[in-house]
Amino acid sequence: MNAYAVTARPEIAPRLAELYQGLRPAVDAETYVDDYLSKPVAEREELAERTGRAVDLLKRRPGADAEAHAWAVRHATAIHQMTTLYAFDRDDPEAISDAMLHRDHLMAESVVWWQRQTGDKIALAAHNGHIALRTYIPDTYPKVQGEFLRERLGSGYLSVGLAFSQDGTVRRFMIGPAAPGTVEHTLDQVRHRDFVVDLRNAPAAARAWLAAPHTVKNIGATYPGHRQEHRCHLPRNR
């Protein structure tokens, strides 16, 4: 944004530099995040307030190039999304669900903006729990990215989940075979090693099975961490 401002609106460049002071990463991403989250909550809230003012400043001062201005505002918005997410008090259990709701809403909003800005089709890669049409874990994730995307994009958003029975040769953790009765165990009975099934057009023989809730693996970034198995109705979530 500073480079954009220097060229398009030089009169606001010093103010932007002031608002972003101390935010530019000078270390690797993991160290940056750890250092950032170690700051007191009040300091993180003040940083979020500053990045919000930067977004507002850019919005109020468009340049001659509308597309360049749109991208500058978007980049500033992405920074503001990061600071607002990290402003939640991670030590407060009651704030965790609010933070996760905020996070998934931001992720969905970014996808919608990109699609409408570019007009392109998008393949979005994320954990099953984020791209599902309904949350698996309502107490921690009240509403997930996929649900927000379906609301905004309608049938233009298709959720595709991935499942596996057990791990292969490249691994850090050992994953045992899926238990009988789980989605993964049932799908693993198919003779094909890899396959895709469209739940929107399932044959009659599969509809009764699909109508009932089944246990699915939900392995996220913190494995082993949160409870890994959850029950859901596949057609509703996918």
Protein backbone atom coordinates (compact mmCIF):
# COMPACT_ATOMS: atom_id res chain seq x y z
CA MET A 1 0.00 0.00 0.00
CA ASN A 2 2.84 2.40 0.75
CA ALA A 3 4.23 1.92 -2.77
CA TYR A 4 0.78 2.56 -4.22
CA ALA A 5 0.31 5.68 -2.11
CA VAL A 6 3.73 7.09 -3.00
CA THR A 7 2.80 6.87 -6.69
CA ALA A 8 -0.94 7.54 -6.69
CA ARG A 9 -1.59 9.63 -3.56
CA PRO A 10 1.77 10.82 -2.17
CA GLU A 11 0.08 13.15 0.30
CA ILE A 12 -1.17 10.17 2.38
CA ALA A 13 2.01 8.07 2.17
CA PRO A 14 3.56 9.44 5.40
CA ARG A 15 0.35 8.83 7.33
CA LEU A 16 0.09 5.26 6.04
CA ALA A 17 3.70 4.60 7.03
CA GLU A 18 2.88 5.89 10.51
CA LEU A 19 -0.21 3.68 10.84
CA TYR A 20 1.72 0.58 9.74
CA GLN A 21 4.76 1.28 11.88
CA GLY A 22 6.02 -1.90 13.55
CA LEU A 23 3.79 -4.23 11.52
CA ARG A 24 6.12 -5.10 8.65
CA PRO A 25 7.51 -8.65 9.16
CA ALA A 26 11.28 -8.80 9.61
CA VAL A 27 11.44 -12.49 10.59
CA ASP A 28 9.96 -15.76 9.37
CA ALA A 29 6.17 -16.18 9.53
CA GLU A 30 6.10 -18.53 12.51
CA THR A 31 8.30 -16.26 14.61
CA TYR A 32 6.31 -13.20 13.56
CA VAL A 33 2.99 -14.76 14.60
CA ASP A 34 4.37 -16.04 17.91
CA ASP A 35 5.84 -12.62 18.72
CA TYR A 36 2.64 -10.87 17.67
CA LEU A 37 0.39 -13.06 19.82
CA SER A 38 2.69 -12.55 22.81
CA LYS A 39 1.79 -8.85 22.84
CA PRO A 40 -0.78 -7.74 25.45
CA VAL A 41 -4.38 -7.77 24.23
CA ALA A 42 -4.64 -3.99 24.58
CA GLU A 43 -1.65 -3.51 22.28
CA ARG A 44 -3.11 -5.89 19.69
CA GLU A 45 -6.42 -4.05 19.85
CA GLU A 46 -4.61 -0.75 19.25
CA LEU A 47 -2.83 -2.22 16.24
CA ALA A 48 -6.16 -3.40 14.82
CA GLU A 49 -7.59 0.08 15.29
CA ARG A 50 -4.63 1.55 13.39
CA THR A 51 -4.96 -0.82 10.44
CA GLY A 52 -8.66 -0.01 10.28
CA ARG A 53 -7.82 3.67 9.98
CA ALA A 54 -5.40 2.82 7.16
CA VAL A 55 -8.16 1.05 5.24
CA ASP A 56 -10.49 4.01 5.70
CA LEU A 57 -7.81 6.44 4.58
CA LEU A 58 -7.17 4.51 1.38
CA LYS A 59 -10.87 4.20 0.64
CA ARG A 60 -11.34 7.96 0.98
CA ARG A 61 -8.45 8.78 -1.36
CA PRO A 62 -8.84 6.84 -4.64
CA GLY A 63 -6.26 7.36 -7.34
CA ALA A 64 -6.73 7.71 -11.09
CA ASP A 65 -6.28 3.96 -11.65
CA ALA A 66 -9.44 2.34 -10.24
CA GLU A 67 -8.09 -1.21 -10.41
CA ALA A 68 -4.83 -0.32 -8.69
CA HIS A 69 -6.81 1.45 -5.99
CA ALA A 70 -9.10 -1.58 -5.52
CA TRP A 71 -6.11 -3.87 -5.03
CA ALA A 72 -4.42 -1.45 -2.63
CA VAL A 73 -7.57 -1.31 -0.52
CA ARG A 74 -7.79 -5.10 -0.65
CA HIS A 75 -4.21 -5.52 0.54
CA ALA A 76 -4.88 -3.09 3.37
CA THR A 77 -8.04 -5.02 4.20
CA ALA A 78 -6.08 -8.27 4.40
CA ILE A 79 -3.71 -6.70 6.92
CA HIS A 80 -6.68 -5.42 8.90
CA GLN A 81 -8.23 -8.88 8.85
CA MET A 82 -5.07 -10.28 10.37
CA THR A 83 -4.88 -7.68 13.13
CA THR A 84 -8.57 -7.98 14.04
CA LEU A 85 -8.31 -11.76 14.24
CA TYR A 86 -5.22 -11.57 16.44
CA ALA A 87 -6.86 -8.97 18.68
CA PHE A 88 -9.08 -11.63 20.30
CA ASP A 89 -8.00 -12.77 23.75
CA ARG A 90 -6.82 -16.34 23.10
CA ASP A 91 -6.63 -16.99 26.84
CA ASP A 92 -10.39 -16.43 27.23
CA PRO A 93 -12.25 -19.69 26.39
CA GLU A 94 -15.42 -17.74 25.63
CA ALA A 95 -13.59 -15.67 23.01
CA ILE A 96 -12.39 -18.67 21.00
CA SER A 97 -15.69 -19.32 19.23
CA ASP A 98 -16.01 -15.60 18.45
CA ALA A 99 -12.51 -15.61 16.97
CA MET A 100 -13.23 -18.70 14.85
CA LEU A 101 -16.51 -17.22 13.61
CA HIS A 102 -14.66 -14.04 12.67
CA ARG A 103 -11.92 -16.04 10.96
CA ASP A 104 -14.24 -18.11 8.76
CA HIS A 105 -16.26 -15.04 7.83
CA LEU A 106 -13.08 -13.23 6.76
CA MET A 107 -11.90 -16.21 4.69
CA ALA A 108 -15.25 -16.39 2.88
CA GLU A 109 -15.31 -12.64 2.31
CA SER A 110 -11.86 -12.75 0.74
CA VAL A 111 -12.87 -15.55 -1.65
CA VAL A 112 -16.01 -13.70 -2.74
CA TRP A 113 -14.08 -10.48 -3.30
CA TRP A 114 -11.46 -12.26 -5.42
CA GLN A 115 -14.07 -14.05 -7.53
CA ARG A 116 -16.04 -10.88 -8.19
CA GLN A 117 -12.95 -8.80 -8.83
CA THR A 118 -11.45 -11.24 -11.33
CA GLY A 119 -14.53 -13.02 -12.67
CA ASP A 120 -12.57 -16.28 -12.57
CA LYS A 121 -13.61 -19.67 -11.29
CA ILE A 122 -11.85 -20.55 -8.05
CA ALA A 123 -10.70 -23.84 -6.55
CA LEU A 124 -10.52 -23.26 -2.81
CA ALA A 125 -8.40 -25.66 -0.74
CA ALA A 126 -9.01 -25.91 3.01
CA HIS A 127 -9.80 -28.41 5.73
CA ASN A 128 -13.11 -30.22 5.32
CA GLY A 129 -14.41 -28.54 8.45
CA HIS A 130 -13.95 -25.07 6.94
CA ILE A 131 -15.38 -25.66 3.47
CA ALA A 132 -18.37 -27.76 4.61
CA LEU A 133 -21.86 -26.32 4.23
CA ARG A 134 -22.46 -26.72 7.96
CA THR A 135 -20.14 -26.78 10.94
CA TYR A 136 -19.02 -30.05 12.48
CA ILE A 137 -18.20 -28.41 15.82
CA PRO A 138 -20.81 -25.72 16.62
CA ASP A 139 -19.41 -24.99 20.08
CA THR A 140 -16.01 -23.96 18.65
CA TYR A 141 -16.90 -23.07 15.06
CA PRO A 142 -20.43 -21.60 15.14
CA LYS A 143 -20.51 -21.01 11.37
CA VAL A 144 -17.88 -21.99 8.84
CA GLN A 145 -16.50 -20.57 5.62
CA GLY A 146 -18.50 -22.93 3.42
CA GLU A 147 -21.79 -21.82 4.92
CA PHE A 148 -20.92 -18.16 4.35
CA LEU A 149 -19.91 -18.96 0.75
CA ARG A 150 -23.14 -20.84 0.02
CA GLU A 151 -25.11 -17.86 1.33
CA ARG A 152 -23.19 -15.44 -0.89
CA LEU A 153 -22.72 -17.59 -4.00
CA GLY A 154 -25.67 -19.99 -3.86
CA SER A 155 -25.27 -23.05 -6.07
CA GLY A 156 -22.17 -21.40 -7.53
CA TYR A 157 -20.34 -22.77 -4.50
CA LEU A 158 -19.76 -26.53 -4.49
CA SER A 159 -18.23 -28.14 -1.43
CA VAL A 160 -15.99 -31.16 -2.13
CA GLY A 161 -14.77 -33.08 0.91
CA LEU A 162 -11.84 -35.48 1.09
CA ALA A 163 -11.77 -38.73 3.08
CA PHE A 164 -9.20 -41.49 3.61
CA SER A 165 -9.16 -44.75 5.51
CA GLN A 166 -5.55 -44.81 6.79
CA ASP A 167 -2.22 -43.15 6.19
CA GLY A 168 0.33 -44.03 3.50
CA THR A 169 4.10 -44.23 3.58
CA VAL A 170 4.86 -40.50 4.01
CA ARG A 171 3.70 -39.53 7.47
CA ARG A 172 4.50 -37.92 10.76
CA PHE A 173 1.62 -39.48 12.69
CA MET A 174 0.28 -43.01 12.44
CA ILE A 175 -3.38 -43.15 11.44
CA GLY A 176 -5.00 -46.52 12.03
CA PRO A 177 -7.71 -48.01 9.80
CA ALA A 178 -11.12 -46.33 9.90
CA ALA A 179 -13.54 -47.97 12.32
CA PRO A 180 -16.52 -49.93 10.96
CA GLY A 181 -19.57 -47.73 10.53
CA THR A 182 -17.61 -44.57 9.75
CA VAL A 183 -17.84 -42.76 6.43
CA GLU A 184 -14.23 -43.57 5.66
CA HIS A 185 -14.64 -47.29 6.36
CA THR A 186 -17.71 -47.48 4.12
CA LEU A 187 -16.06 -45.62 1.26
CA ASP A 188 -12.94 -47.75 1.63
CA GLN A 189 -14.95 -50.80 0.58
CA VAL A 190 -15.12 -49.45 -2.98
CA ARG A 191 -12.76 -51.31 -5.29
CA HIS A 192 -11.20 -48.14 -6.69
CA ARG A 193 -8.16 -46.75 -4.89
CA ASP A 194 -9.19 -43.13 -5.57
CA PHE A 195 -12.62 -41.98 -6.65
CA VAL A 196 -15.14 -39.12 -6.53
CA VAL A 197 -18.80 -39.51 -5.60
CA ASP A 198 -21.41 -36.81 -6.31
CA LEU A 199 -23.78 -36.76 -3.34
CA ARG A 200 -26.23 -34.57 -5.25
CA ASN A 201 -27.07 -37.42 -7.62
CA ALA A 202 -26.69 -40.49 -5.41
CA PRO A 203 -28.52 -43.64 -6.59
CA ALA A 204 -31.55 -44.86 -4.65
CA ALA A 205 -29.58 -47.63 -2.95
CA ALA A 206 -27.30 -45.05 -1.29
CA ARG A 207 -29.95 -42.55 -0.20
CA ALA A 208 -30.98 -44.37 2.99
CA TRP A 209 -27.36 -44.54 4.12
CA LEU A 210 -26.83 -40.88 3.26
CA ALA A 211 -29.97 -39.86 5.14
CA ALA A 212 -28.52 -41.05 8.46
CA PRO A 213 -25.73 -39.31 10.41
CA HIS A 214 -22.30 -40.95 10.24
CA THR A 215 -18.98 -40.43 11.95
CA VAL A 216 -16.25 -38.72 9.91
CA LYS A 217 -12.60 -37.99 10.58
CA ASN A 218 -11.89 -34.29 11.05
CA ILE A 219 -8.12 -33.86 11.14
CA GLY A 220 -7.08 -30.22 11.20
CA ALA A 221 -3.87 -28.27 11.65
CA THR A 222 -3.56 -29.10 15.35
CA TYR A 223 -3.59 -32.91 15.08
CA PRO A 224 -3.57 -34.51 17.54
CA GLY A 225 -5.58 -31.90 19.35
CA HIS A 226 -9.31 -31.30 19.09
CA ARG A 227 -11.63 -34.27 19.07
CA GLN A 228 -11.03 -35.89 15.68
CA GLU A 229 -14.31 -37.70 15.04
CA HIS A 230 -17.67 -36.04 14.50
CA ARG A 231 -21.09 -37.12 13.33
CA CYS A 232 -22.76 -35.37 10.42
CA HIS A 233 -25.21 -35.84 7.55
CA LEU A 234 -23.04 -35.86 4.43
CA PRO A 235 -25.59 -34.33 2.01
CA ARG A 236 -26.22 -31.43 4.41
CA ASN A 237 -22.55 -30.75 4.99
CA ARG A 238 -21.42 -31.31 1.41
